[in-house]
N, C-alpha and C. Protein backbone atom coordinates (compact mmCIF):
# COMPACT_ATOMS: atom_id res chain seq x y z
N MET A 1 109.99 112.82 85.25
CA MET A 1 108.87 111.93 85.48
C MET A 1 108.08 112.46 86.69
N SER A 2 106.80 112.63 86.51
CA SER A 2 106.00 113.20 87.59
C SER A 2 105.72 112.14 88.66
N SER A 3 105.32 112.65 89.82
CA SER A 3 105.08 111.72 90.94
C SER A 3 103.85 110.85 90.70
N ALA A 4 102.91 111.32 89.88
CA ALA A 4 101.73 110.50 89.59
C ALA A 4 102.12 109.24 88.82
N TRP A 5 103.06 109.37 87.88
CA TRP A 5 103.50 108.19 87.13
C TRP A 5 104.24 107.21 88.03
N LEU A 6 105.04 107.73 88.95
CA LEU A 6 105.72 106.84 89.89
C LEU A 6 104.71 106.11 90.78
N LEU A 7 103.68 106.83 91.20
CA LEU A 7 102.63 106.21 92.00
C LEU A 7 101.97 105.07 91.23
N TYR A 8 101.65 105.32 89.96
CA TYR A 8 101.04 104.28 89.14
C TYR A 8 101.98 103.10 88.91
N CYS A 9 103.27 103.39 88.79
CA CYS A 9 104.24 102.30 88.62
C CYS A 9 104.29 101.42 89.87
N PHE A 10 104.32 102.05 91.05
CA PHE A 10 104.34 101.25 92.28
C PHE A 10 103.04 100.50 92.49
N GLU A 11 101.92 101.09 92.10
CA GLU A 11 100.65 100.36 92.18
C GLU A 11 100.65 99.16 91.24
N ALA A 12 101.20 99.34 90.04
CA ALA A 12 101.29 98.21 89.10
C ALA A 12 102.22 97.13 89.62
N ILE A 13 103.34 97.53 90.23
CA ILE A 13 104.27 96.54 90.80
C ILE A 13 103.58 95.76 91.91
N ALA A 14 102.83 96.45 92.76
CA ALA A 14 102.12 95.77 93.84
C ALA A 14 101.08 94.80 93.29
N ALA A 15 100.32 95.23 92.30
CA ALA A 15 99.29 94.37 91.73
C ALA A 15 99.89 93.17 91.00
N LEU A 16 100.94 93.41 90.22
CA LEU A 16 101.56 92.30 89.48
C LEU A 16 102.25 91.30 90.40
N SER A 17 102.89 91.80 91.44
CA SER A 17 103.52 90.85 92.36
C SER A 17 102.48 90.08 93.16
N ALA A 18 101.34 90.71 93.49
CA ALA A 18 100.27 89.99 94.17
C ALA A 18 99.67 88.92 93.25
N LEU A 19 99.52 89.25 91.98
CA LEU A 19 99.05 88.23 91.03
C LEU A 19 100.08 87.13 90.83
N GLY A 20 101.34 87.50 90.84
CA GLY A 20 102.41 86.50 90.69
C GLY A 20 102.40 85.49 91.82
N ILE A 21 102.02 85.92 93.03
CA ILE A 21 101.94 85.00 94.16
C ILE A 21 100.95 83.89 93.88
N LEU A 22 99.88 84.22 93.17
CA LEU A 22 98.86 83.21 92.87
C LEU A 22 99.37 82.13 91.92
N PHE A 23 100.28 82.49 91.03
CA PHE A 23 100.65 81.55 89.98
C PHE A 23 102.01 80.91 90.16
N VAL A 24 102.78 81.34 91.16
CA VAL A 24 104.08 80.74 91.37
C VAL A 24 103.91 79.44 92.15
N ARG A 25 104.72 78.46 91.81
CA ARG A 25 104.59 77.15 92.45
C ARG A 25 105.63 76.93 93.56
N ASN A 26 106.69 77.69 93.55
CA ASN A 26 107.72 77.58 94.57
C ASN A 26 107.39 78.52 95.73
N VAL A 27 107.38 78.01 96.94
CA VAL A 27 106.99 78.79 98.12
C VAL A 27 107.98 79.93 98.37
N PHE A 28 109.26 79.68 98.16
CA PHE A 28 110.26 80.72 98.39
C PHE A 28 110.06 81.90 97.44
N TYR A 29 109.79 81.61 96.16
CA TYR A 29 109.54 82.70 95.21
C TYR A 29 108.26 83.45 95.56
N GLY A 30 107.27 82.73 96.09
CA GLY A 30 106.05 83.39 96.54
C GLY A 30 106.31 84.35 97.68
N ALA A 31 107.18 83.96 98.60
CA ALA A 31 107.54 84.85 99.71
C ALA A 31 108.30 86.07 99.20
N LEU A 32 109.18 85.88 98.23
CA LEU A 32 109.90 87.02 97.66
C LEU A 32 108.94 87.97 96.93
N LEU A 33 107.97 87.42 96.24
CA LEU A 33 106.96 88.27 95.59
C LEU A 33 106.12 89.02 96.62
N LEU A 34 105.86 88.38 97.76
CA LEU A 34 105.11 89.05 98.82
C LEU A 34 105.91 90.21 99.40
N ILE A 35 107.23 90.04 99.56
CA ILE A 35 108.08 91.14 100.00
C ILE A 35 108.03 92.28 99.00
N CYS A 36 108.09 91.96 97.73
CA CYS A 36 108.02 92.98 96.67
C CYS A 36 106.69 93.73 96.73
N CYS A 37 105.62 93.00 96.94
CA CYS A 37 104.29 93.61 97.03
C CYS A 37 104.20 94.54 98.24
N LEU A 38 104.69 94.08 99.38
CA LEU A 38 104.61 94.91 100.59
C LEU A 38 105.47 96.16 100.48
N LEU A 39 106.63 96.06 99.85
CA LEU A 39 107.47 97.24 99.67
C LEU A 39 106.83 98.22 98.69
N ALA A 40 106.18 97.71 97.64
CA ALA A 40 105.49 98.60 96.70
C ALA A 40 104.32 99.30 97.37
N ILE A 41 103.61 98.59 98.24
CA ILE A 41 102.51 99.22 98.97
C ILE A 41 103.05 100.29 99.92
N ALA A 42 104.20 100.05 100.52
CA ALA A 42 104.82 101.08 101.37
C ALA A 42 105.17 102.31 100.54
N ALA A 43 105.63 102.12 99.32
CA ALA A 43 105.92 103.25 98.45
C ALA A 43 104.64 104.02 98.10
N VAL A 44 103.54 103.30 97.90
CA VAL A 44 102.25 103.97 97.64
C VAL A 44 101.84 104.80 98.85
N PHE A 45 102.08 104.29 100.05
CA PHE A 45 101.79 105.06 101.26
C PHE A 45 102.62 106.34 101.31
N VAL A 46 103.89 106.25 100.90
CA VAL A 46 104.75 107.44 100.90
C VAL A 46 104.20 108.48 99.93
N PHE A 47 103.78 108.05 98.75
CA PHE A 47 103.24 108.99 97.78
C PHE A 47 101.91 109.60 98.23
N ASN A 48 101.21 108.93 99.12
CA ASN A 48 99.96 109.47 99.66
C ASN A 48 100.15 110.18 100.99
N HIS A 49 101.40 110.54 101.28
CA HIS A 49 101.77 111.32 102.47
C HIS A 49 101.39 110.61 103.77
N ALA A 50 101.55 109.32 103.81
CA ALA A 50 101.35 108.54 105.03
C ALA A 50 102.66 107.85 105.37
N GLU A 51 103.66 108.66 105.70
CA GLU A 51 105.01 108.14 105.90
C GLU A 51 105.10 107.21 107.10
N PHE A 52 104.35 107.52 108.16
CA PHE A 52 104.39 106.66 109.34
C PHE A 52 103.87 105.26 109.02
N VAL A 53 102.78 105.19 108.25
CA VAL A 53 102.23 103.89 107.86
C VAL A 53 103.21 103.15 106.96
N ALA A 54 103.91 103.88 106.08
CA ALA A 54 104.88 103.25 105.20
C ALA A 54 106.04 102.66 105.99
N VAL A 55 106.55 103.41 106.95
CA VAL A 55 107.67 102.90 107.75
C VAL A 55 107.21 101.71 108.59
N THR A 56 106.00 101.79 109.13
CA THR A 56 105.46 100.67 109.90
C THR A 56 105.29 99.44 109.01
N GLN A 57 104.84 99.65 107.80
CA GLN A 57 104.67 98.55 106.83
C GLN A 57 106.02 97.87 106.58
N ILE A 58 107.04 98.65 106.38
CA ILE A 58 108.36 98.08 106.09
C ILE A 58 108.93 97.37 107.32
N LEU A 59 108.86 98.03 108.48
CA LEU A 59 109.46 97.44 109.68
C LEU A 59 108.73 96.19 110.15
N VAL A 60 107.40 96.26 110.22
CA VAL A 60 106.64 95.16 110.79
C VAL A 60 106.48 94.02 109.80
N TYR A 61 105.98 94.32 108.62
CA TYR A 61 105.66 93.24 107.67
C TYR A 61 106.87 92.81 106.86
N ALA A 62 107.43 93.72 106.08
CA ALA A 62 108.54 93.32 105.21
C ALA A 62 109.80 93.03 106.01
N GLY A 63 110.02 93.77 107.10
CA GLY A 63 111.24 93.59 107.85
C GLY A 63 111.18 92.52 108.91
N GLY A 64 110.03 92.30 109.49
CA GLY A 64 109.94 91.36 110.60
C GLY A 64 109.29 90.05 110.23
N VAL A 65 108.02 90.11 109.99
CA VAL A 65 107.25 88.89 109.79
C VAL A 65 107.70 88.14 108.54
N LEU A 66 107.85 88.84 107.43
CA LEU A 66 108.17 88.15 106.18
C LEU A 66 109.59 87.62 106.16
N VAL A 67 110.52 88.31 106.82
CA VAL A 67 111.88 87.78 106.90
C VAL A 67 111.88 86.48 107.70
N LEU A 68 111.07 86.41 108.75
CA LEU A 68 110.96 85.16 109.49
C LEU A 68 110.35 84.05 108.63
N ILE A 69 109.36 84.40 107.82
CA ILE A 69 108.76 83.41 106.94
C ILE A 69 109.79 82.90 105.94
N VAL A 70 110.53 83.80 105.32
CA VAL A 70 111.55 83.38 104.35
C VAL A 70 112.62 82.54 105.04
N PHE A 71 113.03 82.94 106.24
CA PHE A 71 114.03 82.18 106.99
C PHE A 71 113.50 80.78 107.31
N GLY A 72 112.24 80.70 107.72
CA GLY A 72 111.64 79.40 108.00
C GLY A 72 111.54 78.53 106.76
N ILE A 73 111.21 79.14 105.63
CA ILE A 73 111.12 78.39 104.38
C ILE A 73 112.50 77.88 103.98
N MET A 74 113.49 78.74 104.11
CA MET A 74 114.84 78.33 103.73
C MET A 74 115.36 77.22 104.62
N LEU A 75 114.97 77.20 105.89
CA LEU A 75 115.46 76.17 106.80
C LEU A 75 114.70 74.85 106.66
N SER A 76 113.41 74.93 106.37
CA SER A 76 112.62 73.71 106.43
C SER A 76 111.95 73.31 105.12
N ALA A 77 112.24 73.96 104.02
CA ALA A 77 111.50 73.69 102.79
C ALA A 77 112.04 72.50 102.00
N ARG A 78 113.26 72.15 102.19
CA ARG A 78 113.82 71.07 101.36
C ARG A 78 113.55 69.71 101.99
N HIS A 79 112.88 68.88 101.20
CA HIS A 79 112.61 67.51 101.61
C HIS A 79 113.21 66.58 100.56
N GLY A 80 114.18 65.85 100.94
CA GLY A 80 114.81 64.93 99.99
C GLY A 80 115.59 65.64 98.91
N GLY A 81 116.08 66.85 99.18
CA GLY A 81 116.86 67.58 98.18
C GLY A 81 116.04 68.31 97.16
N LYS A 82 114.71 68.26 97.26
CA LYS A 82 113.85 68.94 96.31
C LYS A 82 113.18 70.11 97.00
N PRO A 83 113.01 71.24 96.30
CA PRO A 83 112.34 72.38 96.92
C PRO A 83 110.85 72.10 97.12
N LEU A 84 110.29 72.73 98.14
CA LEU A 84 108.87 72.59 98.43
C LEU A 84 108.05 73.25 97.33
N VAL A 85 107.17 72.49 96.70
CA VAL A 85 106.35 73.00 95.61
C VAL A 85 104.89 72.90 96.02
N VAL A 86 104.14 73.95 95.73
CA VAL A 86 102.73 74.00 96.08
C VAL A 86 101.91 73.67 94.85
N SER A 87 100.93 72.79 95.02
CA SER A 87 100.02 72.48 93.91
C SER A 87 98.70 73.20 94.15
N HIS A 88 98.03 73.54 93.07
CA HIS A 88 96.77 74.28 93.14
C HIS A 88 95.62 73.30 92.90
N ASN A 89 95.14 72.66 93.97
CA ASN A 89 94.10 71.66 93.83
C ASN A 89 92.69 72.25 93.88
N TYR A 90 92.52 73.39 94.52
CA TYR A 90 91.20 73.95 94.73
C TYR A 90 91.05 75.26 93.97
N LEU A 91 91.34 75.25 92.68
CA LEU A 91 91.34 76.47 91.89
C LEU A 91 89.94 77.05 91.74
N ILE A 92 88.95 76.23 91.42
CA ILE A 92 87.59 76.73 91.19
C ILE A 92 86.98 77.27 92.47
N SER A 93 87.11 76.54 93.56
CA SER A 93 86.55 77.04 94.82
C SER A 93 87.29 78.28 95.30
N GLY A 94 88.58 78.36 95.06
CA GLY A 94 89.35 79.55 95.43
C GLY A 94 88.92 80.77 94.64
N VAL A 95 88.68 80.58 93.33
CA VAL A 95 88.22 81.70 92.50
C VAL A 95 86.83 82.15 92.94
N LEU A 96 85.94 81.20 93.22
CA LEU A 96 84.59 81.56 93.67
C LEU A 96 84.62 82.29 95.01
N LEU A 97 85.43 81.82 95.93
CA LEU A 97 85.55 82.49 97.22
C LEU A 97 86.14 83.89 97.07
N SER A 98 87.16 84.02 96.23
CA SER A 98 87.77 85.33 96.00
C SER A 98 86.79 86.30 95.37
N LEU A 99 86.02 85.84 94.40
CA LEU A 99 85.04 86.72 93.76
C LEU A 99 83.94 87.12 94.73
N SER A 100 83.53 86.22 95.62
CA SER A 100 82.51 86.59 96.60
C SER A 100 83.05 87.61 97.60
N ILE A 101 84.28 87.45 98.03
CA ILE A 101 84.89 88.44 98.93
C ILE A 101 85.06 89.77 98.22
N LEU A 102 85.44 89.74 96.94
CA LEU A 102 85.54 90.97 96.16
C LEU A 102 84.19 91.67 96.07
N GLY A 103 83.13 90.91 95.85
CA GLY A 103 81.79 91.50 95.81
C GLY A 103 81.40 92.15 97.12
N ILE A 104 81.72 91.47 98.23
CA ILE A 104 81.42 92.04 99.55
C ILE A 104 82.21 93.33 99.77
N LEU A 105 83.48 93.34 99.38
CA LEU A 105 84.29 94.54 99.54
C LEU A 105 83.78 95.69 98.68
N ILE A 106 83.42 95.40 97.44
CA ILE A 106 82.88 96.45 96.57
C ILE A 106 81.59 97.01 97.14
N TYR A 107 80.73 96.14 97.65
CA TYR A 107 79.47 96.60 98.27
C TYR A 107 79.76 97.47 99.49
N ALA A 108 80.69 97.04 100.34
CA ALA A 108 81.01 97.80 101.55
C ALA A 108 81.64 99.15 101.21
N ILE A 109 82.51 99.17 100.21
CA ILE A 109 83.14 100.44 99.83
C ILE A 109 82.12 101.39 99.22
N SER A 110 81.19 100.85 98.44
CA SER A 110 80.19 101.72 97.82
C SER A 110 79.21 102.30 98.84
N LYS A 111 79.00 101.62 99.96
CA LYS A 111 78.08 102.10 100.99
C LYS A 111 78.75 102.96 102.06
N THR A 112 80.08 103.06 102.01
CA THR A 112 80.81 103.82 103.02
C THR A 112 80.73 105.30 102.73
N VAL A 113 80.50 106.08 103.78
CA VAL A 113 80.51 107.53 103.66
C VAL A 113 81.93 108.01 103.97
N TRP A 114 82.59 108.54 102.97
CA TRP A 114 83.97 108.96 103.11
C TRP A 114 84.03 110.41 103.55
N PRO A 115 84.96 110.76 104.46
CA PRO A 115 85.08 112.16 104.87
C PRO A 115 85.67 113.01 103.74
N SER A 116 85.36 114.28 103.78
CA SER A 116 85.89 115.17 102.75
C SER A 116 87.39 115.37 102.96
N PRO A 117 88.12 115.67 101.89
CA PRO A 117 89.57 115.87 102.03
C PRO A 117 89.92 117.03 102.96
N THR A 118 89.07 118.04 103.04
CA THR A 118 89.37 119.16 103.94
C THR A 118 89.28 118.73 105.39
N ALA A 119 88.39 117.78 105.70
CA ALA A 119 88.29 117.29 107.07
C ALA A 119 89.54 116.50 107.45
N LEU A 120 90.13 115.82 106.48
CA LEU A 120 91.34 115.05 106.77
C LEU A 120 92.54 115.95 106.99
N THR A 121 92.62 117.07 106.30
CA THR A 121 93.78 117.94 106.46
C THR A 121 93.71 118.74 107.76
N THR A 122 92.53 118.92 108.33
CA THR A 122 92.45 119.67 109.57
C THR A 122 92.82 118.83 110.78
N GLN A 123 92.81 117.51 110.65
CA GLN A 123 93.21 116.66 111.76
C GLN A 123 94.72 116.69 111.93
N GLU A 124 95.14 116.82 113.16
CA GLU A 124 96.58 116.81 113.43
C GLU A 124 97.00 115.40 113.78
N ILE A 125 97.93 114.85 113.01
CA ILE A 125 98.45 113.53 113.28
C ILE A 125 99.83 113.73 113.90
N ASN A 126 99.96 113.33 115.14
CA ASN A 126 101.20 113.54 115.85
C ASN A 126 101.90 112.19 116.03
N ILE A 127 102.97 111.98 115.27
CA ILE A 127 103.69 110.71 115.32
C ILE A 127 104.37 110.53 116.67
N GLU A 128 104.75 111.62 117.31
CA GLU A 128 105.38 111.51 118.62
C GLU A 128 104.42 110.91 119.64
N LYS A 129 103.14 111.28 119.56
CA LYS A 129 102.15 110.71 120.48
C LYS A 129 101.98 109.21 120.23
N VAL A 130 102.02 108.81 118.96
CA VAL A 130 101.90 107.38 118.63
C VAL A 130 103.08 106.62 119.23
N GLY A 131 104.29 107.15 119.08
CA GLY A 131 105.47 106.49 119.64
C GLY A 131 105.42 106.40 121.15
N VAL A 132 104.95 107.46 121.81
CA VAL A 132 104.84 107.44 123.27
C VAL A 132 103.81 106.40 123.71
N HIS A 133 102.69 106.31 122.99
CA HIS A 133 101.67 105.31 123.34
C HIS A 133 102.20 103.89 123.16
N ILE A 134 102.95 103.66 122.07
CA ILE A 134 103.47 102.30 121.84
C ILE A 134 104.45 101.91 122.93
N MET A 135 105.29 102.86 123.36
CA MET A 135 106.31 102.55 124.36
C MET A 135 105.82 102.71 125.79
N SER A 136 104.57 103.11 126.00
CA SER A 136 104.05 103.22 127.38
C SER A 136 102.77 102.40 127.54
N ASP A 137 101.70 102.81 126.90
CA ASP A 137 100.41 102.15 127.07
C ASP A 137 100.37 100.77 126.42
N TYR A 138 101.02 100.62 125.28
CA TYR A 138 100.95 99.37 124.53
C TYR A 138 102.28 98.64 124.51
N LEU A 139 103.08 98.82 125.55
CA LEU A 139 104.39 98.17 125.59
C LEU A 139 104.27 96.66 125.73
N LEU A 140 103.32 96.19 126.54
CA LEU A 140 103.17 94.74 126.73
C LEU A 140 102.79 94.03 125.43
N PRO A 141 101.79 94.49 124.65
CA PRO A 141 101.53 93.82 123.37
C PRO A 141 102.70 93.91 122.40
N PHE A 142 103.41 95.03 122.44
CA PHE A 142 104.59 95.20 121.57
C PHE A 142 105.66 94.18 121.92
N GLU A 143 105.92 93.99 123.19
CA GLU A 143 106.93 93.02 123.62
C GLU A 143 106.46 91.59 123.39
N ILE A 144 105.18 91.31 123.57
CA ILE A 144 104.65 89.97 123.32
C ILE A 144 104.80 89.61 121.84
N ALA A 145 104.55 90.59 120.96
CA ALA A 145 104.74 90.33 119.53
C ALA A 145 106.20 90.02 119.22
N GLY A 146 107.13 90.74 119.85
CA GLY A 146 108.54 90.47 119.64
C GLY A 146 108.95 89.09 120.13
N VAL A 147 108.44 88.69 121.30
CA VAL A 147 108.74 87.36 121.85
C VAL A 147 108.13 86.28 120.95
N LEU A 148 106.92 86.52 120.44
CA LEU A 148 106.28 85.56 119.55
C LEU A 148 107.09 85.35 118.28
N LEU A 149 107.62 86.43 117.71
CA LEU A 149 108.47 86.30 116.53
C LEU A 149 109.75 85.56 116.86
N LEU A 150 110.32 85.81 118.02
CA LEU A 150 111.53 85.10 118.44
C LEU A 150 111.26 83.61 118.62
N VAL A 151 110.13 83.26 119.23
CA VAL A 151 109.77 81.85 119.42
C VAL A 151 109.57 81.17 118.06
N ALA A 152 108.94 81.88 117.11
CA ALA A 152 108.76 81.30 115.77
C ALA A 152 110.11 81.05 115.11
N LEU A 153 111.05 81.96 115.28
CA LEU A 153 112.38 81.78 114.71
C LEU A 153 113.10 80.60 115.35
N ILE A 154 113.03 80.49 116.66
CA ILE A 154 113.67 79.37 117.36
C ILE A 154 113.01 78.05 116.96
N GLY A 155 111.69 78.06 116.80
CA GLY A 155 110.99 76.86 116.36
C GLY A 155 111.41 76.42 114.98
N ALA A 156 111.60 77.37 114.06
CA ALA A 156 112.04 77.02 112.71
C ALA A 156 113.45 76.44 112.74
N ILE A 157 114.31 77.02 113.57
CA ILE A 157 115.67 76.49 113.69
C ILE A 157 115.65 75.09 114.29
N ALA A 158 114.82 74.88 115.31
CA ALA A 158 114.75 73.56 115.94
C ALA A 158 114.21 72.51 114.97
N MET A 159 113.21 72.88 114.18
CA MET A 159 112.66 71.95 113.20
C MET A 159 113.71 71.60 112.14
N ALA A 160 114.44 72.60 111.67
CA ALA A 160 115.43 72.35 110.63
C ALA A 160 116.59 71.52 111.18
N SER A 161 117.00 71.79 112.41
CA SER A 161 118.13 71.04 112.94
C SER A 161 117.76 69.61 113.26
N SER A 162 116.51 69.36 113.71
CA SER A 162 116.12 67.98 113.99
C SER A 162 115.96 67.18 112.71
N LYS A 163 115.56 67.81 111.62
CA LYS A 163 115.45 67.09 110.33
C LYS A 163 116.82 66.75 109.79
N SER A 164 117.77 67.66 109.96
CA SER A 164 119.10 67.39 109.41
C SER A 164 119.81 66.29 110.21
N LYS A 165 119.54 66.18 111.50
CA LYS A 165 120.16 65.12 112.30
C LYS A 165 119.58 63.76 111.99
N SER A 166 118.28 63.70 111.66
CA SER A 166 117.65 62.42 111.40
C SER A 166 117.95 61.89 110.01
N VAL A 167 118.41 62.73 109.11
CA VAL A 167 118.67 62.30 107.73
C VAL A 167 120.04 61.73 107.61
């Protein structure tokens, strides 16, 4: 199987899981579909030789933020023994807003001047420099993001424990 077919398979998985998020009614299943979509997008990055972006995608989004979301859903989603279900009350306005954003994106992409592929290959991307910058120049925002995720996790635990005590 050639790598092009694998790329198309991962693109299809990402698109289908993103569409599945729209139609699933259970929030937990929606979060699992979002994890699937983010991992498929990371695989697309790998096939496009952007390994650093793929690893960042997995660590930050699928590994950090989304695991906290799933953990929060699992701790606080059950009300009265029933799973949290989302209803789609604003379907028409949501479709209209999505189509307008799609139109804006298509217009912006069509007006963008893209660099030639030879210009991209001549640029040197040094992952070591990125790591040094994150751990030196951008250490404070990096640590603040970690503390923010920790506070969100503690908040979800506190909310779940206070609900279980009151019931």
